[in-house]
Amino acid sequence: MRKYGSIYLVTLFVSLALAPSSAAQNSTALKLVDTVPLPAVRDGDFDHFAKDVEGHRLFLTAEANGTVEIFDSTSNKHIQSIPGLKSPHALLYRSDANKLFVVDGDASQIKIYDSTTFRPLGHITVAIDADSMAFDPDTKYLYVVNGGRAAKTPYSFITVIDTSRLKKIRDIKIDTNWIEALALEKSGSRLFCVLTAQNAIGVMDRAGTSLTTTWPLPADAKHPVSLGFDEANHRLFVAVREPGQLIVLNSDTGRVVARVASVRMVDDLSFDSTLKRIYLTGDGSINIYGQKDADHYNLLASVPTRFRAKTGLLVPEWNRYYLAVPRYHAQPAEVRVYEVQP
């Protein structure tokens, strides 16, 4: 009991030390404008969104339900489901190729669909537990995390897939069994990855075969999951679950420049480079932070949500933020549509 008491005190101390003022929490940055009910989605969590900006569509993976849910963003209506997946996670929509790529973790596949008819076009095999991804719009390469814990290996892969030729290029072996989010540098060739098992950020050249450096996170920050990148200001944003924190790193050196308390159980992080805001979606609320400058951040609003509503996406082109809310007891699953306030 004494051991757990010590852990509690450390967690409490960090939470209090990082806690923002209550005055900041009373402001707002999002206005709820619509709710899309999903009565057919009855099981488990959602995982990720993807957007079709020109076609005004939104895609959402219902992980335990084994479906991709599709919405019209103009009418805010659910229009179709893609069934038959085992455990869908991240998605990529390519408008120029008219294709939708879905990472199906338990099937060990990247499944490919015609994005008009949603007819299956094939798949690319990866290791089990494929999950997070990042897309390079210049090369059209997709980087997909797979393997590790579910594969019962001490290492994971970041698999490179050519989405034009629908072909696996190579597997990059990473010596850790748990990787979460990825982020790609646009002005250079670096790839950043969240090494959750090591409580660290890994950095590598995308043309390389291994990590070039590893940046450890603070010792009292455990379970990093989400990643954002303000490339103009050379800042990486890392969402940590234990205790809930937003940690800001210098993306050139890995130095921690800021830490603020956040909602726990975060899954998604969005950065608005125009309004200079960071959105963290977690268990029970959306936290919105303002970037005063590259090294200073404050809580602008904490928007109450619901149990395990931790999948969100900012779409600046539509001035909207979307939140996927799982079914909870008698309350059905839904997608909440928020208007971003200036």
C-alpha atoms as a PDB file:
ATOM      1  CA  MET A   1       0.000   0.000   0.000  1.00  0.00           C
ATOM      2  CA  ARG A   2       2.856   2.396   0.738  1.00  0.00           C
ATOM      3  CA  LYS A   3       4.224   1.914  -2.778  1.00  0.00           C
ATOM      4  CA  TYR A   4       0.903   2.840  -4.371  1.00  0.00           C
ATOM      5  CA  GLY A   5       0.524   5.771  -1.964  1.00  0.00           C
ATOM      6  CA  SER A   6       3.850   7.152  -3.168  1.00  0.00           C
ATOM      7  CA  ILE A   7       2.801   6.849  -6.770  1.00  0.00           C
ATOM      8  CA  TYR A   8      -0.444   8.640  -5.979  1.00  0.00           C
ATOM      9  CA  LEU A   9       1.377  11.497  -4.259  1.00  0.00           C
ATOM     10  CA  VAL A  10       3.782  11.937  -7.155  1.00  0.00           C
ATOM     11  CA  THR A  11       0.899  11.944  -9.626  1.00  0.00           C
ATOM     12  CA  LEU A  12      -1.049  14.419  -7.492  1.00  0.00           C
ATOM     13  CA  PHE A  13       1.948  16.709  -7.166  1.00  0.00           C
ATOM     14  CA  VAL A  14       2.560  16.740 -10.921  1.00  0.00           C
ATOM     15  CA  SER A  15      -1.120  17.337 -11.651  1.00  0.00           C
ATOM     16  CA  LEU A  16      -1.319  20.262  -9.246  1.00  0.00           C
ATOM     17  CA  ALA A  17       1.946  21.729 -10.430  1.00  0.00           C
ATOM     18  CA  LEU A  18       0.842  21.638 -14.037  1.00  0.00           C
ATOM     19  CA  ALA A  19      -2.821  22.528 -13.515  1.00  0.00           C
ATOM     20  CA  PRO A  20      -4.087  25.571 -15.424  1.00  0.00           C
ATOM     21  CA  SER A  21      -6.186  28.250 -13.764  1.00  0.00           C
ATOM     22  CA  SER A  22      -9.934  27.755 -13.429  1.00  0.00           C
ATOM     23  CA  ALA A  23     -10.519  31.055 -15.208  1.00  0.00           C
ATOM     24  CA  ALA A  24      -8.990  29.629 -18.377  1.00  0.00           C
ATOM     25  CA  GLN A  25     -11.301  26.618 -18.211  1.00  0.00           C
ATOM     26  CA  ASN A  26     -14.414  28.811 -18.263  1.00  0.00           C
ATOM     27  CA  SER A  27     -13.752  30.207 -21.743  1.00  0.00           C
ATOM     28  CA  THR A  28     -14.822  28.412 -24.907  1.00  0.00           C
ATOM     29  CA  ALA A  29     -13.361  27.750 -28.327  1.00  0.00           C
ATOM     30  CA  LEU A  30     -15.903  25.262 -29.722  1.00  0.00           C
ATOM     31  CA  LYS A  31     -19.656  25.552 -30.285  1.00  0.00           C
ATOM     32  CA  LEU A  32     -21.733  22.389 -30.675  1.00  0.00           C
ATOM     33  CA  VAL A  33     -23.781  22.782 -33.866  1.00  0.00           C
ATOM     34  CA  ASP A  34     -25.009  19.258 -34.626  1.00  0.00           C
ATOM     35  CA  THR A  35     -25.059  15.651 -33.464  1.00  0.00           C
ATOM     36  CA  VAL A  36     -25.147  12.635 -35.783  1.00  0.00           C
ATOM     37  CA  PRO A  37     -26.644   9.531 -34.120  1.00  0.00           C
ATOM     38  CA  LEU A  38     -25.101   6.124 -34.845  1.00  0.00           C
ATOM     39  CA  PRO A  39     -27.555   3.596 -33.380  1.00  0.00           C
ATOM     40  CA  ALA A  40     -26.079   0.706 -35.414  1.00  0.00           C
ATOM     41  CA  VAL A  41     -22.637   1.155 -33.843  1.00  0.00           C
ATOM     42  CA  ARG A  42     -23.065  -0.790 -30.649  1.00  0.00           C
ATOM     43  CA  ASP A  43     -19.629  -2.046 -29.657  1.00  0.00           C
ATOM     44  CA  GLY A  44     -16.484  -0.486 -28.269  1.00  0.00           C
ATOM     45  CA  ASP A  45     -14.395   2.539 -29.162  1.00  0.00           C
ATOM     46  CA  PHE A  46     -13.817   4.539 -32.291  1.00  0.00           C
ATOM     47  CA  ASP A  47     -10.233   5.056 -33.418  1.00  0.00           C
ATOM     48  CA  HIS A  48      -9.529   7.583 -36.190  1.00  0.00           C
ATOM     49  CA  PHE A  49     -11.121   9.998 -38.662  1.00  0.00           C
ATOM     50  CA  ALA A  50     -10.113  10.871 -42.229  1.00  0.00           C
ATOM     51  CA  LYS A  51     -11.457  13.665 -44.427  1.00  0.00           C
ATOM     52  CA  ASP A  52     -12.429  14.202 -48.052  1.00  0.00           C
ATOM     53  CA  VAL A  53     -12.347  17.984 -48.219  1.00  0.00           C
ATOM     54  CA  GLU A  54     -13.490  18.443 -51.824  1.00  0.00           C
ATOM     55  CA  GLY A  55     -16.166  15.745 -51.620  1.00  0.00           C
ATOM     56  CA  HIS A  56     -17.450  16.896 -48.222  1.00  0.00           C
ATOM     57  CA  ARG A  57     -17.168  13.462 -46.666  1.00  0.00           C
ATOM     58  CA  LEU A  58     -15.827  12.231 -43.362  1.00  0.00           C
ATOM     59  CA  PHE A  59     -14.632   8.693 -42.625  1.00  0.00           C
ATOM     60  CA  LEU A  60     -14.510   7.132 -39.163  1.00  0.00           C
ATOM     61  CA  THR A  61     -13.303   3.713 -37.995  1.00  0.00           C
ATOM     62  CA  ALA A  62     -15.520   1.904 -35.476  1.00  0.00           C
ATOM     63  CA  GLU A  63     -12.843  -0.396 -34.137  1.00  0.00           C
ATOM     64  CA  ALA A  64     -14.761  -3.088 -32.218  1.00  0.00           C
ATOM     65  CA  ASN A  65     -17.741  -2.817 -34.569  1.00  0.00           C
ATOM     66  CA  GLY A  66     -15.529  -3.749 -37.542  1.00  0.00           C
ATOM     67  CA  THR A  67     -16.807  -0.943 -39.773  1.00  0.00           C
ATOM     68  CA  VAL A  68     -15.891   2.321 -41.417  1.00  0.00           C
ATOM     69  CA  GLU A  69     -18.651   4.902 -41.030  1.00  0.00           C
ATOM     70  CA  ILE A  70     -19.096   7.548 -43.737  1.00  0.00           C
ATOM     71  CA  PHE A  71     -20.711  10.969 -43.313  1.00  0.00           C
ATOM     72  CA  ASP A  72     -21.790  13.892 -45.476  1.00  0.00           C
ATOM     73  CA  SER A  73     -20.183  16.949 -43.882  1.00  0.00           C
ATOM     74  CA  THR A  74     -22.584  19.394 -45.534  1.00  0.00           C
ATOM     75  CA  SER A  75     -25.790  17.831 -44.201  1.00  0.00           C
ATOM     76  CA  ASN A  76     -24.137  16.184 -41.179  1.00  0.00           C
ATOM     77  CA  LYS A  77     -25.777  12.888 -42.075  1.00  0.00           C
ATOM     78  CA  HIS A  78     -24.517   9.338 -41.863  1.00  0.00           C
ATOM     79  CA  ILE A  79     -24.624   8.005 -45.433  1.00  0.00           C
ATOM     80  CA  GLN A  80     -22.974   4.587 -45.510  1.00  0.00           C
ATOM     81  CA  SER A  81     -20.982   1.899 -43.661  1.00  0.00           C
ATOM     82  CA  ILE A  82     -18.177  -0.332 -44.901  1.00  0.00           C
ATOM     83  CA  PRO A  83     -18.577  -3.666 -43.061  1.00  0.00           C
ATOM     84  CA  GLY A  84     -16.397  -6.730 -42.811  1.00  0.00           C
ATOM     85  CA  LEU A  85     -13.253  -5.412 -41.130  1.00  0.00           C
ATOM     86  CA  LYS A  86     -11.737  -7.071 -38.066  1.00  0.00           C
ATOM     87  CA  SER A  87     -10.251  -4.092 -36.243  1.00  0.00           C
ATOM     88  CA  PRO A  88     -10.029  -0.913 -38.347  1.00  0.00           C
ATOM     89  CA  HIS A  89      -7.715   1.822 -37.131  1.00  0.00           C
ATOM     90  CA  ALA A  90      -6.155   4.624 -39.193  1.00  0.00           C
ATOM     91  CA  LEU A  91      -7.386   5.685 -42.631  1.00  0.00           C
ATOM     92  CA  LEU A  92      -6.057   7.524 -45.672  1.00  0.00           C
ATOM     93  CA  TYR A  93      -8.236   9.037 -48.398  1.00  0.00           C
ATOM     94  CA  ARG A  94      -6.491   9.806 -51.701  1.00  0.00           C
ATOM     95  CA  SER A  95      -8.719  11.988 -53.867  1.00  0.00           C
ATOM     96  CA  ASP A  96      -6.320  11.882 -56.822  1.00  0.00           C
ATOM     97  CA  ALA A  97      -6.428   8.083 -56.875  1.00  0.00           C
ATOM     98  CA  ASN A  98     -10.074   7.695 -55.816  1.00  0.00           C
ATOM     99  CA  LYS A  99      -9.025   5.226 -53.128  1.00  0.00           C
ATOM    100  CA  LEU A 100      -9.549   4.748 -49.406  1.00  0.00           C
ATOM    101  CA  PHE A 101      -6.857   2.902 -47.437  1.00  0.00           C
ATOM    102  CA  VAL A 102      -7.861   1.355 -44.108  1.00  0.00           C
ATOM    103  CA  VAL A 103      -5.459  -0.190 -41.610  1.00  0.00           C
ATOM    104  CA  ASP A 104      -7.129  -3.391 -40.376  1.00  0.00           C
ATOM    105  CA  GLY A 105      -4.981  -4.367 -37.404  1.00  0.00           C
ATOM    106  CA  ASP A 106      -6.292  -7.819 -36.509  1.00  0.00           C
ATOM    107  CA  ALA A 107      -6.424  -8.817 -40.178  1.00  0.00           C
ATOM    108  CA  SER A 108      -2.745  -7.793 -40.604  1.00  0.00           C
ATOM    109  CA  GLN A 109      -3.724  -5.861 -43.728  1.00  0.00           C
ATOM    110  CA  ILE A 110      -4.010  -2.462 -45.322  1.00  0.00           C
ATOM    111  CA  LYS A 111      -7.343  -2.779 -47.109  1.00  0.00           C
ATOM    112  CA  ILE A 112      -7.997  -0.718 -50.214  1.00  0.00           C
ATOM    113  CA  TYR A 113     -11.406   0.451 -51.422  1.00  0.00           C
ATOM    114  CA  ASP A 114     -12.781   2.362 -54.369  1.00  0.00           C
ATOM    115  CA  SER A 115     -13.798   5.606 -52.677  1.00  0.00           C
ATOM    116  CA  THR A 116     -16.897   6.075 -54.829  1.00  0.00           C
ATOM    117  CA  THR A 117     -18.474   2.615 -54.664  1.00  0.00           C
ATOM    118  CA  PHE A 118     -16.466   1.370 -51.648  1.00  0.00           C
ATOM    119  CA  ARG A 119     -15.887  -1.861 -53.508  1.00  0.00           C
ATOM    120  CA  PRO A 120     -12.822  -3.730 -52.158  1.00  0.00           C
ATOM    121  CA  LEU A 121      -9.836  -3.422 -54.488  1.00  0.00           C
ATOM    122  CA  GLY A 122      -7.367  -5.604 -52.620  1.00  0.00           C
ATOM    123  CA  HIS A 123      -5.042  -5.470 -49.657  1.00  0.00           C
ATOM    124  CA  ILE A 124      -1.384  -5.272 -48.621  1.00  0.00           C
ATOM    125  CA  THR A 125      -0.182  -7.655 -45.935  1.00  0.00           C
ATOM    126  CA  VAL A 126       1.625  -6.335 -42.866  1.00  0.00           C
ATOM    127  CA  ALA A 127       2.214  -7.741 -39.366  1.00  0.00           C
ATOM    128  CA  ILE A 128      -0.594  -8.053 -36.832  1.00  0.00           C
ATOM    129  CA  ASP A 129      -1.645  -5.047 -34.725  1.00  0.00           C
ATOM    130  CA  ALA A 130      -1.147  -2.524 -37.525  1.00  0.00           C
ATOM    131  CA  ASP A 131      -2.464   0.793 -36.264  1.00  0.00           C
ATOM    132  CA  SER A 132      -1.114   4.327 -36.715  1.00  0.00           C
ATOM    133  CA  MET A 133       0.012   5.791 -40.018  1.00  0.00           C
ATOM    134  CA  ALA A 134       1.489   8.886 -41.643  1.00  0.00           C
ATOM    135  CA  PHE A 135       1.317   9.873 -45.319  1.00  0.00           C
ATOM    136  CA  ASP A 136       3.918  11.663 -47.434  1.00  0.00           C
ATOM    137  CA  PRO A 137       1.980  13.563 -50.152  1.00  0.00           C
ATOM    138  CA  ASP A 138       5.125  14.087 -52.243  1.00  0.00           C
ATOM    139  CA  THR A 139       6.199  10.459 -52.601  1.00  0.00           C
ATOM    140  CA  LYS A 140       2.703   9.038 -51.965  1.00  0.00           C
ATOM    141  CA  TYR A 141       4.320   6.713 -49.439  1.00  0.00           C
ATOM    142  CA  LEU A 142       2.344   5.548 -46.420  1.00  0.00           C
ATOM    143  CA  TYR A 143       4.179   4.728 -43.174  1.00  0.00           C
ATOM    144  CA  VAL A 144       2.314   2.194 -41.018  1.00  0.00           C
ATOM    145  CA  VAL A 145       3.113   0.976 -37.494  1.00  0.00           C
ATOM    146  CA  ASN A 146       2.661  -2.794 -37.039  1.00  0.00           C
ATOM    147  CA  GLY A 147       3.932  -5.776 -35.080  1.00  0.00           C
ATOM    148  CA  GLY A 148       5.220  -5.628 -31.519  1.00  0.00           C
ATOM    149  CA  ARG A 149       3.042  -6.601 -28.581  1.00  0.00           C
ATOM    150  CA  ALA A 150       0.321  -8.560 -30.384  1.00  0.00           C
ATOM    151  CA  ALA A 151       2.953 -10.245 -32.533  1.00  0.00           C
ATOM    152  CA  LYS A 152       4.784 -11.197 -29.316  1.00  0.00           C
ATOM    153  CA  THR A 153       8.054  -9.764 -30.598  1.00  0.00           C
ATOM    154  CA  PRO A 154      10.441  -7.347 -28.806  1.00  0.00           C
ATOM    155  CA  TYR A 155      10.498  -5.203 -31.940  1.00  0.00           C
ATOM    156  CA  SER A 156       7.963  -3.446 -34.164  1.00  0.00           C
ATOM    157  CA  PHE A 157       7.898  -2.378 -37.796  1.00  0.00           C
ATOM    158  CA  ILE A 158       7.236   0.857 -39.581  1.00  0.00           C
ATOM    159  CA  THR A 159       6.223  -0.443 -42.990  1.00  0.00           C
ATOM    160  CA  VAL A 160       6.577   1.771 -46.063  1.00  0.00           C
ATOM    161  CA  ILE A 161       3.848   1.344 -48.679  1.00  0.00           C
ATOM    162  CA  ASP A 162       3.678   2.899 -52.132  1.00  0.00           C
ATOM    163  CA  THR A 163       0.008   3.886 -52.405  1.00  0.00           C
ATOM    164  CA  SER A 164       0.304   4.542 -56.138  1.00  0.00           C
ATOM    165  CA  ARG A 165       1.634   1.102 -57.046  1.00  0.00           C
ATOM    166  CA  LEU A 166      -0.215  -0.574 -54.139  1.00  0.00           C
ATOM    167  CA  LYS A 167       3.006  -2.252 -53.076  1.00  0.00           C
ATOM    168  CA  LYS A 168       5.007  -2.711 -49.904  1.00  0.00           C
ATOM    169  CA  ILE A 169       8.422  -1.065 -50.250  1.00  0.00           C
ATOM    170  CA  ARG A 170      10.140  -2.202 -47.063  1.00  0.00           C
ATOM    171  CA  ASP A 171       9.899  -2.835 -43.333  1.00  0.00           C
ATOM    172  CA  ILE A 172      11.879  -0.641 -40.949  1.00  0.00           C
ATOM    173  CA  LYS A 173      12.612  -2.595 -37.770  1.00  0.00           C
ATOM    174  CA  ILE A 174      12.367  -0.592 -34.543  1.00  0.00           C
ATOM    175  CA  ASP A 175      13.690  -2.176 -31.332  1.00  0.00           C
ATOM    176  CA  THR A 176      10.649  -1.640 -29.145  1.00  0.00           C
ATOM    177  CA  ASN A 177       7.380  -3.548 -28.937  1.00  0.00           C
ATOM    178  CA  TRP A 178       5.034  -0.560 -28.721  1.00  0.00           C
ATOM    179  CA  ILE A 179       4.896   2.393 -31.116  1.00  0.00           C
ATOM    180  CA  GLU A 180       1.983   4.785 -31.343  1.00  0.00           C
ATOM    181  CA  ALA A 181       1.730   7.973 -33.455  1.00  0.00           C
ATOM    182  CA  LEU A 182       3.938   9.100 -36.336  1.00  0.00           C
ATOM    183  CA  ALA A 183       4.693  12.556 -37.775  1.00  0.00           C
ATOM    184  CA  LEU A 184       6.564  13.463 -40.965  1.00  0.00           C
ATOM    185  CA  GLU A 185       8.693  16.512 -41.605  1.00  0.00           C
ATOM    186  CA  LYS A 186       7.676  18.413 -44.769  1.00  0.00           C
ATOM    187  CA  SER A 187      10.797  20.557 -45.126  1.00  0.00           C
ATOM    188  CA  GLY A 188      13.138  17.611 -44.579  1.00  0.00           C
ATOM    189  CA  SER A 189      13.246  13.841 -44.457  1.00  0.00           C
ATOM    190  CA  ARG A 190      12.775  13.113 -40.768  1.00  0.00           C
ATOM    191  CA  LEU A 191      10.142  10.850 -39.276  1.00  0.00           C
ATOM    192  CA  PHE A 192       9.145  11.172 -35.613  1.00  0.00           C
ATOM    193  CA  CYS A 193       7.517   8.293 -33.727  1.00  0.00           C
ATOM    194  CA  VAL A 194       6.101   7.836 -30.236  1.00  0.00           C
ATOM    195  CA  LEU A 195       7.989   4.997 -28.528  1.00  0.00           C
ATOM    196  CA  THR A 196       5.324   4.276 -25.942  1.00  0.00           C
ATOM    197  CA  ALA A 197       7.099   1.334 -24.319  1.00  0.00           C
ATOM    198  CA  GLN A 198      10.187   3.506 -23.760  1.00  0.00           C
ATOM    199  CA  ASN A 199       8.371   6.759 -22.857  1.00  0.00           C
ATOM    200  CA  ALA A 200      10.376   8.456 -25.570  1.00  0.00           C
ATOM    201  CA  ILE A 201      10.279   9.981 -29.037  1.00  0.00           C
ATOM    202  CA  GLY A 202      12.226   8.295 -31.812  1.00  0.00           C
ATOM    203  CA  VAL A 203      13.728  10.189 -34.760  1.00  0.00           C
ATOM    204  CA  MET A 204      14.925   8.777 -38.054  1.00  0.00           C
ATOM    205  CA  ASP A 205      15.612   9.687 -41.661  1.00  0.00           C
ATOM    206  CA  ARG A 206      12.851   8.292 -43.874  1.00  0.00           C
ATOM    207  CA  ALA A 207      15.470   6.889 -46.234  1.00  0.00           C
ATOM    208  CA  GLY A 208      17.249   5.173 -43.341  1.00  0.00           C
ATOM    209  CA  THR A 209      16.891   1.763 -41.770  1.00  0.00           C
ATOM    210  CA  SER A 210      16.901   2.619 -38.066  1.00  0.00           C
ATOM    211  CA  LEU A 211      16.394   5.395 -35.540  1.00  0.00           C
ATOM    212  CA  THR A 212      19.083   8.052 -35.531  1.00  0.00           C
ATOM    213  CA  THR A 213      18.267   9.322 -32.043  1.00  0.00           C
ATOM    214  CA  THR A 214      15.879   8.827 -29.148  1.00  0.00           C
ATOM    215  CA  TRP A 215      14.597  11.627 -26.935  1.00  0.00           C
ATOM    216  CA  PRO A 216      13.424  10.478 -23.493  1.00  0.00           C
ATOM    217  CA  LEU A 217      10.381  12.167 -21.999  1.00  0.00           C
ATOM    218  CA  PRO A 218      10.370  13.351 -18.355  1.00  0.00           C
ATOM    219  CA  ALA A 219      10.541  10.463 -15.874  1.00  0.00           C
ATOM    220  CA  ASP A 220       7.128  11.256 -14.382  1.00  0.00           C
ATOM    221  CA  ALA A 221       5.403  11.260 -17.798  1.00  0.00           C
ATOM    222  CA  LYS A 222       4.195   7.789 -18.768  1.00  0.00           C
ATOM    223  CA  HIS A 223       2.250   6.334 -21.677  1.00  0.00           C
ATOM    224  CA  PRO A 224       2.748   8.832 -24.519  1.00  0.00           C
ATOM    225  CA  VAL A 225       0.280   8.243 -27.350  1.00  0.00           C
ATOM    226  CA  SER A 226      -0.397  11.190 -29.677  1.00  0.00           C
ATOM    227  CA  LEU A 227       1.855  13.466 -31.665  1.00  0.00           C
ATOM    228  CA  GLY A 228       1.518  16.852 -33.349  1.00  0.00           C
ATOM    229  CA  PHE A 229       4.045  18.962 -35.220  1.00  0.00           C
ATOM    230  CA  ASP A 230       4.390  22.726 -35.536  1.00  0.00           C
ATOM    231  CA  GLU A 231       7.120  22.628 -38.131  1.00  0.00           C
ATOM    232  CA  ALA A 232       7.343  26.394 -38.582  1.00  0.00           C
ATOM    233  CA  ASN A 233       8.255  26.851 -34.916  1.00  0.00           C
ATOM    234  CA  HIS A 234      10.230  23.604 -34.569  1.00  0.00           C
ATOM    235  CA  ARG A 235       7.940  22.177 -31.915  1.00  0.00           C
ATOM    236  CA  LEU A 236       6.624  18.653 -31.332  1.00  0.00           C
ATOM    237  CA  PHE A 237       3.481  18.172 -29.255  1.00  0.00           C
ATOM    238  CA  VAL A 238       3.206  14.926 -27.280  1.00  0.00           C
ATOM    239  CA  ALA A 239       0.070  13.834 -25.412  1.00  0.00           C
ATOM    240  CA  VAL A 240       0.798  11.672 -22.363  1.00  0.00           C
ATOM    241  CA  ARG A 241      -1.824   9.698 -20.432  1.00  0.00           C
ATOM    242  CA  GLU A 242      -0.209   9.134 -17.014  1.00  0.00           C
ATOM    243  CA  PRO A 243      -0.734  11.727 -15.706  1.00  0.00           C
ATOM    244  CA  GLY A 244      -2.569  13.588 -18.467  1.00  0.00           C
ATOM    245  CA  GLN A 245      -0.145  16.097 -19.947  1.00  0.00           C
ATOM    246  CA  LEU A 246       0.727  18.012 -23.077  1.00  0.00           C
ATOM    247  CA  ILE A 247       4.499  18.041 -23.456  1.00  0.00           C
ATOM    248  CA  VAL A 248       6.177  20.340 -25.975  1.00  0.00           C
ATOM    249  CA  LEU A 249       9.616  19.470 -27.365  1.00  0.00           C
ATOM    250  CA  ASN A 250      12.085  21.370 -29.498  1.00  0.00           C
ATOM    251  CA  SER A 251      12.017  19.292 -32.701  1.00  0.00           C
ATOM    252  CA  ASP A 252      15.683  20.018 -33.410  1.00  0.00           C
ATOM    253  CA  THR A 253      17.111  19.011 -30.034  1.00  0.00           C
ATOM    254  CA  GLY A 254      14.416  17.052 -28.192  1.00  0.00           C
ATOM    255  CA  ARG A 255      14.552  19.489 -25.262  1.00  0.00           C
ATOM    256  CA  VAL A 256      11.340  19.850 -23.265  1.00  0.00           C
ATOM    257  CA  VAL A 257      10.226  23.480 -23.476  1.00  0.00           C
ATOM    258  CA  ALA A 258       6.740  23.310 -21.918  1.00  0.00           C
ATOM    259  CA  ARG A 259       4.421  21.024 -19.936  1.00  0.00           C
ATOM    260  CA  VAL A 260       0.754  21.592 -19.120  1.00  0.00           C
ATOM    261  CA  ALA A 261      -1.881  19.364 -17.547  1.00  0.00           C
ATOM    262  CA  SER A 262      -4.454  17.782 -19.841  1.00  0.00           C
ATOM    263  CA  VAL A 263      -7.388  15.417 -19.931  1.00  0.00           C
ATOM    264  CA  ARG A 264      -6.422  11.750 -19.481  1.00  0.00           C
ATOM    265  CA  MET A 265      -6.964   8.864 -21.907  1.00  0.00           C
ATOM    266  CA  VAL A 266      -6.092  11.106 -24.883  1.00  0.00           C
ATOM    267  CA  ASP A 267      -6.080   9.436 -28.281  1.00  0.00           C
ATOM    268  CA  ASP A 268      -6.094  12.257 -30.844  1.00  0.00           C
ATOM    269  CA  LEU A 269      -4.231  15.555 -31.114  1.00  0.00           C
ATOM    270  CA  SER A 270      -4.867  18.282 -33.702  1.00  0.00           C
ATOM    271  CA  PHE A 271      -2.845  21.456 -34.251  1.00  0.00           C
ATOM    272  CA  ASP A 272      -4.378  24.533 -35.896  1.00  0.00           C
ATOM    273  CA  SER A 273      -1.455  26.434 -37.397  1.00  0.00           C
ATOM    274  CA  THR A 274      -3.665  29.443 -38.239  1.00  0.00           C
ATOM    275  CA  LEU A 275      -5.347  30.012 -34.883  1.00  0.00           C
ATOM    276  CA  LYS A 276      -2.332  28.562 -33.015  1.00  0.00           C
ATOM    277  CA  ARG A 277      -4.428  26.083 -31.052  1.00  0.00           C
ATOM    278  CA  ILE A 278      -3.920  22.497 -29.952  1.00  0.00           C
ATOM    279  CA  TYR A 279      -6.889  20.167 -29.462  1.00  0.00           C
ATOM    280  CA  LEU A 280      -6.563  17.141 -27.167  1.00  0.00           C
ATOM    281  CA  THR A 281      -9.491  14.715 -27.027  1.00  0.00           C
ATOM    282  CA  GLY A 282      -9.698  12.397 -24.030  1.00  0.00           C
ATOM    283  CA  ASP A 283     -11.961  10.706 -21.531  1.00  0.00           C
ATOM    284  CA  GLY A 284     -14.674  13.220 -20.675  1.00  0.00           C
ATOM    285  CA  SER A 285     -13.510  16.438 -22.321  1.00  0.00           C
ATOM    286  CA  ILE A 286     -11.804  18.200 -25.172  1.00  0.00           C
ATOM    287  CA  ASN A 287      -8.945  20.441 -24.016  1.00  0.00           C
ATOM    288  CA  ILE A 288      -8.047  23.363 -26.274  1.00  0.00           C
ATOM    289  CA  TYR A 289      -4.721  25.129 -25.733  1.00  0.00           C
ATOM    290  CA  GLY A 290      -3.500  28.450 -27.084  1.00  0.00           C
ATOM    291  CA  GLN A 291       0.069  28.845 -28.285  1.00  0.00           C
ATOM    292  CA  LYS A 292       1.253  32.210 -26.975  1.00  0.00           C
ATOM    293  CA  ASP A 293       4.641  31.614 -28.566  1.00  0.00           C
ATOM    294  CA  ALA A 294       6.786  28.572 -29.265  1.00  0.00           C
ATOM    295  CA  ASP A 295       7.536  28.000 -25.571  1.00  0.00           C
ATOM    296  CA  HIS A 296       4.320  29.083 -23.827  1.00  0.00           C
ATOM    297  CA  TYR A 297       0.866  27.448 -23.854  1.00  0.00           C
ATOM    298  CA  ASN A 298      -2.337  27.977 -21.883  1.00  0.00           C
ATOM    299  CA  LEU A 299      -5.685  26.228 -21.594  1.00  0.00           C
ATOM    300  CA  LEU A 300      -8.345  28.156 -23.525  1.00  0.00           C
ATOM    301  CA  ALA A 301     -11.271  25.812 -22.940  1.00  0.00           C
ATOM    302  CA  SER A 302     -12.260  22.439 -21.549  1.00  0.00           C
ATOM    303  CA  VAL A 303     -15.380  21.195 -23.348  1.00  0.00           C
ATOM    304  CA  PRO A 304     -17.270  18.443 -21.469  1.00  0.00           C
ATOM    305  CA  THR A 305     -17.967  15.336 -23.553  1.00  0.00           C
ATOM    306  CA  ARG A 306     -18.636  11.736 -22.478  1.00  0.00           C
ATOM    307  CA  PHE A 307     -17.017   8.491 -21.339  1.00  0.00           C
ATOM    308  CA  ARG A 308     -14.116   7.416 -23.614  1.00  0.00           C
ATOM    309  CA  ALA A 309     -14.920  10.007 -26.278  1.00  0.00           C
ATOM    310  CA  LYS A 310     -11.271  10.217 -27.319  1.00  0.00           C
ATOM    311  CA  THR A 311     -11.365  10.276 -31.127  1.00  0.00           C
ATOM    312  CA  GLY A 312     -11.428  13.741 -32.661  1.00  0.00           C
ATOM    313  CA  LEU A 313     -10.407  15.604 -35.797  1.00  0.00           C
ATOM    314  CA  LEU A 314      -9.992  19.281 -36.624  1.00  0.00           C
ATOM    315  CA  VAL A 315     -10.903  20.169 -40.236  1.00  0.00           C
ATOM    316  CA  PRO A 316      -9.785  23.786 -40.718  1.00  0.00           C
ATOM    317  CA  GLU A 317     -11.128  23.868 -44.283  1.00  0.00           C
ATOM    318  CA  TRP A 318     -14.672  23.524 -42.902  1.00  0.00           C
ATOM    319  CA  ASN A 319     -14.047  25.384 -39.627  1.00  0.00           C
ATOM    320  CA  ARG A 320     -15.220  22.258 -37.809  1.00  0.00           C
ATOM    321  CA  TYR A 321     -14.052  19.915 -35.094  1.00  0.00           C
ATOM    322  CA  TYR A 322     -15.519  16.390 -35.015  1.00  0.00           C
ATOM    323  CA  LEU A 323     -15.772  14.143 -31.976  1.00  0.00           C
ATOM    324  CA  ALA A 324     -16.681  10.440 -32.048  1.00  0.00           C
ATOM    325  CA  VAL A 325     -18.624   9.417 -28.935  1.00  0.00           C
ATOM    326  CA  PRO A 326     -18.963   5.670 -28.184  1.00  0.00           C
ATOM    327  CA  ARG A 327     -22.127   4.020 -26.943  1.00  0.00           C
ATOM    328  CA  TYR A 328     -22.359   4.172 -23.146  1.00  0.00           C
ATOM    329  CA  HIS A 329     -25.110   2.275 -21.313  1.00  0.00           C
ATOM    330  CA  ALA A 330     -28.420   3.565 -22.753  1.00  0.00           C
ATOM    331  CA  GLN A 331     -26.752   6.469 -24.585  1.00  0.00           C
ATOM    332  CA  PRO A 332     -26.177   5.599 -28.285  1.00  0.00           C
ATOM    333  CA  ALA A 333     -22.992   6.255 -30.212  1.00  0.00           C
ATOM    334  CA  GLU A 334     -22.808   9.553 -32.062  1.00  0.00           C
ATOM    335  CA  VAL A 335     -20.582  12.069 -33.783  1.00  0.00           C
ATOM    336  CA  ARG A 336     -20.643  15.605 -32.412  1.00  0.00           C
ATOM    337  CA  VAL A 337     -20.006  18.482 -34.790  1.00  0.00           C
ATOM    338  CA  TYR A 338     -18.454  21.642 -33.358  1.00  0.00           C
ATOM    339  CA  GLU A 339     -17.925  25.004 -34.986  1.00  0.00           C
ATOM    340  CA  VAL A 340     -14.509  26.494 -34.225  1.00  0.00           C
ATOM    341  CA  GLN A 341     -14.898  29.865 -32.536  1.00  0.00           C
ATOM    342  CA  PRO A 342     -12.432  32.716 -33.220  1.00  0.00           C
END
